[in-house]
Amino acid sequence: MVEYIVVKISGRLLTPPRLSYLSMLRDSILESYRYGGLAIVTGGGPLSREYIGVLRDLSVPESILDVVGIYASRLNALALASILLPYSTIKIPESIEEAVDVAVKGLIPVIGGLQPGQSTNAVATSLAEALKAKLLLNMLDGVDGVYKPPPGVKGSRRLDRATYDELEEIIREYPQIAGRYELIDNVALSIARRSNIRILFVNGQNPQVIPLVIRGEKVTGTIVEPS
C-alpha cells in the first residue's frame, strides 16, 4: 500500500512567479516522488488577496469573493502541475474524489481551493484524510514554524512541538493580524484532530525541505500531533 504525504504550499511562495523558485520546487517534488505517494495543495497568495481586496471595496458579496480566491489558488495549482508533467495532470481536480483518482493512477494531484467558505488548509487536511496520509507538510512563507505569540510580538518564540489543543489556543490570537501570518484555521485543525494527522510547519522558501522530510531527516519546524 502506498503511503502518502500531503504538501500544502503557501500561495505567497508561488506568486508572483519566480523562475529560480519554481525550478527548485519542481526538482524537489520530483525527487520526493521517487520515495512514495505525494499530493499537493496550493494557496491563492497575493493574487487572491489583491483581487479580493479590490472587489470587496466594490461591494462584491463575500460568497463571490470566495470563488475568486478559489480560482486564484487553482491558477497556482495549474502553473505548478504544468511543470510537473508527465507526473501530474493539467486537469486540476475540483473535488477530493477527483484528486484521489489522480493519486491512485500513480500521478501527483495538484489542487487549489474546492468550495466557498473552505480554506486551502482545510482542503489539505481533507485530502490527507482521504489518502490516509499521516503527515501534512505545511510550507509557510518566511516563517519556520509555529510561534507563540505570533512573529513580531514581543517574546515570540518558535515551538518545536505542539498538541492540537495548544495550536487551537495559539490560532485564537490570529484574527487581530489577519492576512499577515498564514497558519491554519479551526476547520482544518478539526479534520487533522479526528484522523490523527500530524502537521509539520516549515519555512517553504527552500523547497529541498520536501525530500528531506520524506526521507525522515530532521528539519527546522514545528510538529503538531495528538497529546
Protein backbone atom coordinates (compact mmCIF):
# COMPACT_ATOMS: atom_id res chain seq x y z
CA MET A 1 0.00 0.00 0.00
CA VAL A 2 1.33 3.43 -0.97
CA GLU A 3 1.99 5.81 1.91
CA TYR A 4 1.13 9.40 1.08
CA ILE A 5 2.36 12.75 2.29
CA VAL A 6 0.31 15.85 1.51
CA VAL A 7 2.21 19.10 0.94
CA LYS A 8 0.40 22.42 1.42
CA ILE A 9 2.28 25.26 -0.30
CA SER A 10 1.55 28.84 0.69
CA GLY A 11 0.36 30.89 -2.27
CA ARG A 12 2.85 33.54 -1.22
CA LEU A 13 5.62 31.18 -2.30
CA LEU A 14 4.11 30.82 -5.77
CA THR A 15 3.05 34.36 -6.67
CA PRO A 16 4.49 36.39 -8.13
CA PRO A 17 6.11 33.50 -10.03
CA ARG A 18 9.91 33.23 -9.78
CA LEU A 19 11.85 31.05 -12.20
CA SER A 20 14.51 30.02 -9.69
CA TYR A 21 11.99 29.02 -7.02
CA LEU A 22 9.68 27.12 -9.36
CA SER A 23 12.64 25.27 -10.84
CA MET A 24 13.86 24.22 -7.37
CA LEU A 25 10.33 23.31 -6.32
CA ARG A 26 9.83 21.11 -9.38
CA ASP A 27 13.13 19.30 -8.80
CA SER A 28 12.36 18.77 -5.11
CA ILE A 29 8.87 17.41 -5.81
CA LEU A 30 10.09 15.02 -8.50
CA GLU A 31 12.93 13.84 -6.24
CA SER A 32 10.39 13.20 -3.47
CA TYR A 33 8.02 11.41 -5.86
CA ARG A 34 10.52 8.54 -6.07
CA TYR A 35 10.03 7.74 -2.39
CA GLY A 36 6.24 7.30 -2.32
CA GLY A 37 2.88 8.96 -2.78
CA LEU A 38 2.73 12.72 -2.91
CA ALA A 39 -0.20 15.15 -3.17
CA ILE A 40 0.00 18.94 -3.28
CA VAL A 41 -2.39 21.75 -2.33
CA THR A 42 -1.67 25.35 -3.31
CA GLY A 43 -2.91 28.53 -1.69
CA GLY A 44 -4.09 31.63 -3.53
CA GLY A 45 -1.49 34.00 -2.12
CA PRO A 46 -1.13 37.66 -3.17
CA LEU A 47 -3.07 37.11 -6.40
CA SER A 48 -6.12 36.10 -4.40
CA ARG A 49 -5.74 38.78 -1.74
CA GLU A 50 -5.25 41.63 -4.20
CA TYR A 51 -8.33 40.76 -6.22
CA ILE A 52 -10.41 40.17 -3.10
CA GLY A 53 -9.29 43.45 -1.54
CA VAL A 54 -10.30 45.50 -4.58
CA LEU A 55 -13.55 43.62 -5.21
CA ARG A 56 -14.58 43.88 -1.56
CA ASP A 57 -14.20 47.66 -1.82
CA LEU A 58 -16.55 47.45 -4.81
CA SER A 59 -19.15 45.68 -2.63
CA VAL A 60 -18.85 42.26 -4.26
CA PRO A 61 -20.58 39.67 -1.98
CA GLU A 62 -18.33 37.56 0.23
CA SER A 63 -19.57 34.32 -1.35
CA ILE A 64 -18.33 35.51 -4.74
CA LEU A 65 -15.04 36.67 -3.23
CA ASP A 66 -14.58 33.10 -2.01
CA VAL A 67 -14.96 31.90 -5.60
CA VAL A 68 -12.37 34.44 -6.78
CA GLY A 69 -9.96 33.07 -4.17
CA ILE A 70 -10.63 29.52 -5.34
CA TYR A 71 -9.77 30.37 -8.93
CA ALA A 72 -6.59 32.16 -7.86
CA SER A 73 -5.44 29.07 -5.97
CA ARG A 74 -6.33 26.87 -8.95
CA LEU A 75 -4.22 29.07 -11.22
CA ASN A 76 -1.27 28.46 -8.90
CA ALA A 77 -2.09 24.75 -8.98
CA LEU A 78 -2.21 24.72 -12.78
CA ALA A 79 1.11 26.54 -13.06
CA LEU A 80 2.76 24.03 -10.73
CA ALA A 81 1.14 20.98 -12.32
CA SER A 82 2.26 22.11 -15.77
CA ILE A 83 5.94 21.95 -14.80
CA LEU A 84 5.46 18.50 -13.24
CA LEU A 85 4.22 16.86 -16.44
CA PRO A 86 4.07 13.95 -17.19
CA TYR A 87 3.98 13.13 -13.46
CA SER A 88 0.91 15.28 -12.84
CA THR A 89 -2.10 16.39 -14.87
CA ILE A 90 -3.17 19.81 -16.11
CA LYS A 91 -6.79 18.90 -15.42
CA ILE A 92 -6.83 20.36 -11.93
CA PRO A 93 -9.07 18.30 -9.60
CA GLU A 94 -12.15 20.15 -8.39
CA SER A 95 -13.04 17.72 -5.60
CA ILE A 96 -11.33 15.42 -3.13
CA GLU A 97 -12.65 12.46 -5.14
CA GLU A 98 -11.02 13.72 -8.33
CA ALA A 99 -7.73 14.29 -6.50
CA VAL A 100 -7.79 10.75 -5.11
CA ASP A 101 -8.47 9.40 -8.62
CA VAL A 102 -5.33 11.15 -9.87
CA ALA A 103 -3.30 9.75 -6.96
CA VAL A 104 -4.39 6.14 -7.46
CA LYS A 105 -3.23 6.39 -11.09
CA GLY A 106 0.26 6.98 -9.76
CA LEU A 107 0.32 10.69 -10.58
CA ILE A 108 0.77 13.72 -8.33
CA PRO A 109 -2.53 15.54 -7.74
CA VAL A 110 -2.05 19.30 -7.52
CA ILE A 111 -5.16 21.12 -6.35
CA GLY A 112 -6.26 24.52 -5.10
CA GLY A 113 -9.47 25.57 -3.39
CA LEU A 114 -12.62 23.50 -3.74
CA GLN A 115 -15.66 25.32 -2.39
CA PRO A 116 -16.66 28.69 -0.92
CA GLY A 117 -16.05 29.04 2.79
CA GLN A 118 -13.35 26.36 2.84
CA SER A 119 -9.69 27.31 3.18
CA THR A 120 -6.93 25.57 1.26
CA ASN A 121 -5.61 24.40 4.63
CA ALA A 122 -8.93 22.60 5.13
CA VAL A 123 -8.60 21.16 1.61
CA ALA A 124 -5.13 19.89 2.52
CA THR A 125 -6.27 18.14 5.69
CA SER A 126 -9.31 16.69 3.89
CA LEU A 127 -7.08 15.30 1.16
CA ALA A 128 -4.68 13.90 3.74
CA GLU A 129 -7.62 12.21 5.44
CA ALA A 130 -8.90 10.73 2.17
CA LEU A 131 -5.45 9.38 1.24
CA LYS A 132 -4.89 8.10 4.80
CA ALA A 133 -1.77 10.25 4.98
CA LYS A 134 -0.32 10.52 8.45
CA LEU A 135 1.66 13.69 7.74
CA LEU A 136 0.76 17.06 6.27
CA LEU A 137 3.78 19.19 5.40
CA ASN A 138 2.72 22.83 5.60
CA MET A 139 5.17 25.10 3.75
CA LEU A 140 4.97 28.66 5.07
CA ASP A 141 6.50 31.76 3.53
CA GLY A 142 9.44 33.02 5.55
CA VAL A 143 8.27 31.56 8.86
CA ASP A 144 9.97 28.42 10.14
CA GLY A 145 7.20 27.03 12.31
CA VAL A 146 4.54 27.92 14.85
CA TYR A 147 5.33 30.86 17.10
CA LYS A 148 3.82 31.78 20.44
CA PRO A 149 2.89 34.59 20.49
CA PRO A 150 2.86 35.20 16.72
CA PRO A 151 6.01 36.52 14.98
CA GLY A 152 6.63 40.20 15.55
CA VAL A 153 5.08 40.18 19.01
CA LYS A 154 7.47 40.74 21.92
CA GLY A 155 8.60 37.48 23.47
CA SER A 156 7.66 35.41 20.41
CA ARG A 157 9.40 32.03 20.18
CA ARG A 158 9.17 29.05 17.87
CA LEU A 159 7.76 25.83 19.27
CA ASP A 160 9.46 22.55 18.33
CA ARG A 161 6.30 20.62 19.20
CA ALA A 162 2.67 21.38 19.96
CA THR A 163 -0.51 19.43 20.53
CA TYR A 164 -3.75 20.06 18.65
CA ASP A 165 -5.13 21.74 21.76
CA GLU A 166 -2.11 24.03 22.06
CA LEU A 167 -2.32 25.00 18.38
CA GLU A 168 -6.03 25.72 18.75
CA GLU A 169 -5.24 28.10 21.59
CA ILE A 170 -2.50 29.81 19.57
CA ILE A 171 -4.60 30.46 16.47
CA ARG A 172 -7.21 32.27 18.55
CA GLU A 173 -4.80 35.21 18.52
CA TYR A 174 -4.61 35.39 14.76
CA PRO A 175 -7.76 37.33 13.76
CA GLN A 176 -6.11 40.52 15.03
CA ILE A 177 -3.29 40.08 12.50
CA ALA A 178 -5.32 38.59 9.65
CA GLY A 179 -3.52 38.42 6.33
CA ARG A 180 -0.07 38.83 7.88
CA TYR A 181 0.66 35.37 9.22
CA GLU A 182 -0.86 32.46 7.38
CA LEU A 183 -1.00 29.32 9.50
CA ILE A 184 -4.14 27.19 9.79
CA ASP A 185 -7.83 27.52 10.66
CA ASN A 186 -10.11 25.69 13.06
CA VAL A 187 -11.85 23.62 10.37
CA ALA A 188 -8.53 22.29 9.08
CA LEU A 189 -7.35 21.61 12.61
CA SER A 190 -10.54 19.69 13.49
CA ILE A 191 -10.06 17.41 10.46
CA ALA A 192 -6.44 16.76 11.43
CA ARG A 193 -7.50 16.01 15.00
CA ARG A 194 -10.21 13.48 14.12
CA SER A 195 -7.86 11.49 11.88
CA ASN A 196 -4.65 11.95 13.91
CA ILE A 197 -2.87 13.68 11.03
CA ARG A 198 0.44 15.13 12.14
CA ILE A 199 1.19 18.60 10.75
CA LEU A 200 4.75 19.79 10.22
CA PHE A 201 5.06 23.56 9.73
CA VAL A 202 8.28 24.61 7.98
CA ASN A 203 9.75 27.52 6.07
CA GLY A 204 8.96 26.70 2.46
CA GLN A 205 11.42 29.14 0.90
CA ASN A 206 13.85 26.26 0.41
CA PRO A 207 11.88 23.55 -1.45
CA GLN A 208 14.56 20.97 -0.63
CA VAL A 209 12.75 20.60 2.69
CA ILE A 210 10.25 18.28 0.93
CA PRO A 211 12.63 15.38 0.15
CA LEU A 212 14.37 15.88 3.50
CA VAL A 213 11.08 15.34 5.33
CA ILE A 214 10.09 12.39 3.17
CA ARG A 215 13.44 10.71 3.86
CA GLY A 216 12.85 11.21 7.58
CA GLU A 217 15.67 13.69 8.09
CA LYS A 218 15.47 16.35 10.78
CA VAL A 219 14.38 19.81 9.66
CA THR A 220 13.67 23.06 11.49
CA GLY A 221 9.98 23.50 12.13
CA THR A 222 7.07 22.72 14.43
CA ILE A 223 5.40 19.31 14.56
CA VAL A 224 1.77 19.31 15.71
CA GLU A 225 0.36 15.99 16.88
CA PRO A 226 -2.03 14.39 19.38
CA SER A 227 -1.37 14.81 23.08
